[in-house]
Amino acid sequence: MATAKKKTETKITLAQEIWERIKDTDLELFALPDQTVEVNASPILAISDTDLHILLKAQAALPQLEDRLRGFKWSKAGAGGFPETLEVSTKSKFTVIKVVPVED
């Protein structure tokens, strides 16, 4: 008797999508070449499905990360059809990146 295997679709969370979109963003740090978000941060995806939590390898990367993500255009329209951007904040030892509506 043959057993049918179910295909399991892995749904990508918003936190994972944020990481995929920002990980290759260039950061100008320490006068070193090829500095990106991925080189300077590690994602912690198990905390939240909607907000991306990262651990920075050096806190000196935080101002540059905030600067590079300020005004980041999130292509999906929000629930009300309003444009969205990314907001960077700190929470305990984590840096939290989340999608927020663009303020006028």
Protein backbone atom coordinates (compact mmCIF):
# COMPACT_ATOMS: atom_id res chain seq x y z
CA MET A 1 0.00 0.00 0.00
CA ALA A 2 1.46 3.35 -1.06
CA THR A 3 1.35 6.24 1.32
CA ALA A 4 0.69 9.68 -0.07
CA LYS A 5 3.05 12.32 1.17
CA LYS A 6 1.59 15.73 1.84
CA LYS A 7 3.38 18.69 0.39
CA THR A 8 4.02 21.20 3.11
CA GLU A 9 4.19 24.75 1.97
CA THR A 10 6.42 26.95 4.03
CA LYS A 11 4.86 30.34 4.45
CA ILE A 12 7.37 33.15 4.59
CA THR A 13 6.76 35.46 7.53
CA LEU A 14 6.95 39.22 7.32
CA ALA A 15 10.08 39.10 9.50
CA GLN A 16 11.76 36.75 7.00
CA GLU A 17 10.69 38.95 4.11
CA ILE A 18 12.17 42.03 5.80
CA TRP A 19 15.47 40.17 6.31
CA GLU A 20 15.58 39.03 2.68
CA ARG A 21 15.02 42.59 1.47
CA ILE A 22 17.56 44.33 3.73
CA LYS A 23 20.37 41.80 4.21
CA ASP A 24 22.32 43.00 1.16
CA THR A 25 22.01 46.71 2.06
CA ASP A 26 25.43 48.35 2.10
CA LEU A 27 26.68 49.87 5.34
CA GLU A 28 29.60 52.29 5.45
CA LEU A 29 31.42 51.02 8.52
CA PHE A 30 34.96 51.07 9.80
CA ALA A 31 36.34 52.11 6.38
CA LEU A 32 36.10 48.45 5.37
CA PRO A 33 34.84 47.26 1.98
CA ASP A 34 31.81 45.03 1.46
CA GLN A 35 30.03 45.81 4.72
CA THR A 36 26.37 44.80 4.52
CA VAL A 37 23.57 44.25 7.01
CA GLU A 38 24.13 40.49 6.71
CA VAL A 39 27.84 40.82 7.57
CA ASN A 40 27.10 42.96 10.64
CA ALA A 41 23.89 41.38 11.99
CA SER A 42 22.29 38.03 12.68
CA PRO A 43 18.53 37.58 12.33
CA ILE A 44 16.58 35.99 15.18
CA LEU A 45 13.45 34.84 13.36
CA ALA A 46 11.86 32.82 16.17
CA ILE A 47 10.77 35.84 18.23
CA SER A 48 8.12 37.38 16.00
CA ASP A 49 6.49 36.70 12.64
CA THR A 50 5.88 40.38 11.95
CA ASP A 51 8.87 42.26 13.43
CA LEU A 52 12.45 41.36 12.53
CA HIS A 53 14.75 41.04 15.54
CA ILE A 54 18.48 41.14 14.84
CA LEU A 55 21.61 41.00 16.94
CA LEU A 56 24.26 43.48 15.82
CA LYS A 57 27.85 42.28 15.94
CA ALA A 58 28.94 45.82 16.84
CA GLN A 59 26.64 48.51 18.25
CA ALA A 60 28.54 51.02 16.11
CA ALA A 61 26.52 49.65 13.17
CA LEU A 62 23.22 50.91 14.62
CA PRO A 63 23.41 54.56 13.44
CA GLN A 64 24.43 53.47 9.95
CA LEU A 65 21.64 50.88 9.86
CA GLU A 66 19.08 53.49 10.92
CA ASP A 67 20.36 55.90 8.29
CA ARG A 68 20.32 53.34 5.47
CA LEU A 69 16.81 52.08 6.29
CA ARG A 70 15.30 55.53 6.86
CA GLY A 71 12.96 56.13 3.96
CA PHE A 72 13.22 52.51 2.78
CA LYS A 73 10.25 52.06 0.49
CA TRP A 74 8.26 48.97 1.30
CA SER A 75 6.56 47.96 -1.94
CA LYS A 76 3.43 46.46 -0.44
CA ALA A 77 0.61 48.82 0.41
CA GLY A 78 -0.61 48.62 3.98
CA ALA A 79 -4.03 47.51 5.10
CA GLY A 80 -5.49 50.91 4.27
CA GLY A 81 -3.59 51.18 0.99
CA PHE A 82 -1.11 53.63 2.53
CA PRO A 83 2.59 53.49 1.67
CA GLU A 84 4.86 51.88 4.24
CA THR A 85 8.48 52.11 5.33
CA LEU A 86 10.78 50.41 7.85
CA GLU A 87 11.30 51.58 11.42
CA VAL A 88 14.40 50.68 13.44
CA SER A 89 14.30 50.59 17.25
CA THR A 90 16.09 48.84 20.07
CA LYS A 91 14.53 46.48 22.57
CA SER A 92 16.75 44.95 25.23
CA LYS A 93 19.73 43.47 23.38
CA PHE A 94 17.90 43.32 20.05
CA THR A 95 17.51 45.76 17.21
CA VAL A 96 13.93 45.54 15.94
CA ILE A 97 12.96 46.39 12.37
CA LYS A 98 9.28 46.61 11.48
CA VAL A 99 7.04 47.84 8.70
CA VAL A 100 5.14 51.02 9.59
CA PRO A 101 2.96 53.47 7.66
CA VAL A 102 4.72 56.47 6.15
CA GLU A 103 3.93 59.58 8.15
CA ASP A 104 3.15 62.83 6.34
